[in-house]
């Protein structure tokens, strides 16, 4: 297992985001350019100083070089566009740091843009359906959307460990409570446990509030060296560690999900060792975490896979109040993908940076010095440890 060797050498020095909505009325390229320009302005530098762009997509998106042209960036020296799912939300940031370390760029914009509700919807048919696992191997088993696949994984956890719907509901209601303090969140209406339990079943055992939102919008972060970031306008947030992986059965298609050896856990155990060793920290050093919550169940997966709980203990852990803002490990303080919006996971990084800068307003945590972000829910995942 490779270990991150660039501890605190690189930093996030700017963030930007658009409104999160069901119908942006804008092209994806316009959304991407808006978020990127805001990240550059947040850092207080000139757009001409940008020389690298990294992005990822598995549906609606736009290439980095197209954004560079629209923004008038004169000299792009590094560009990377991943074909990847939400597992890449942290990977693009570690990639940017690696590119700078290699001397390929100095200031790299990392972005994700999508009209995920009004435009190209996940699981909506055509290419989107193929991307979510509709193959000759998976379709006969009913794996035609991510919801169907993850419902199978969740049911396995329930059978093996006794995980129950009330524990999933605790995640949904807690994150909604957090979103109510977030002015950019799409869902700010109170959500009670009764509301959660009474919601219609989407794919057993997932009710409506177990699934993330569909969102139009974009997010961007600017990565640069720690030394350079000290001269920029905003307080640097240092990249203390990064990890990506999923063992020998990584993939995005249905056959990859079907051959996964044990559906009671996912990719996170494969990246745990490298993540903690790269930072020289343990789980007890983490003040808060922004966990990839495309489904409520994926939060349980990450908690167990990264060692915050033993396998099978994440359900009681969340039910005991540990993930609340006043708990031992506050999670998804902006509402996460379930209640803030779904920008393929990159909005969770935005929130982590705001918490570490002390810019989270009404939802600001006390003594937020070290944060964790995760991305991915199935056979491959990424994570960052960030500090102020």
Foldseek 3Di string as FASTA:
>chain_A
DDFAACAQFKWFQFKFKDFKDLPPVDAQLVQFLRGQVRRCVSQVDDLLQEAAEEEEDQKRHDFPVSSCVVVVHPHHQYGYYYDDFLQCLVVRQVVVVVCVVVVRHFKYKYKFFGSCRPPIHQLPDDSSQQLQAPDPPFVVVPRRHVVQLVLVLVVLLCVVQVFDPLLLLLLLQQLLPLQLLAPSWPRNDHDDSVNLVPADADHPPDGPLQAFDGIGMMMMTMMGTSVVSVPTDADTKGFRTKWKDFPDLDDRHRVSSVPDDGSLAARLLVTQVSRCVSNVHAPQVAQEEEEARSGSVLVLRNCCSNPVDPRSCSSVCSVVPQCHLPHSYPYNSNSHRSIRHPSSQNVSVVVLVCQQRVNRPPSHHPPRFWYKYKTDRHRMIMMTIIGD
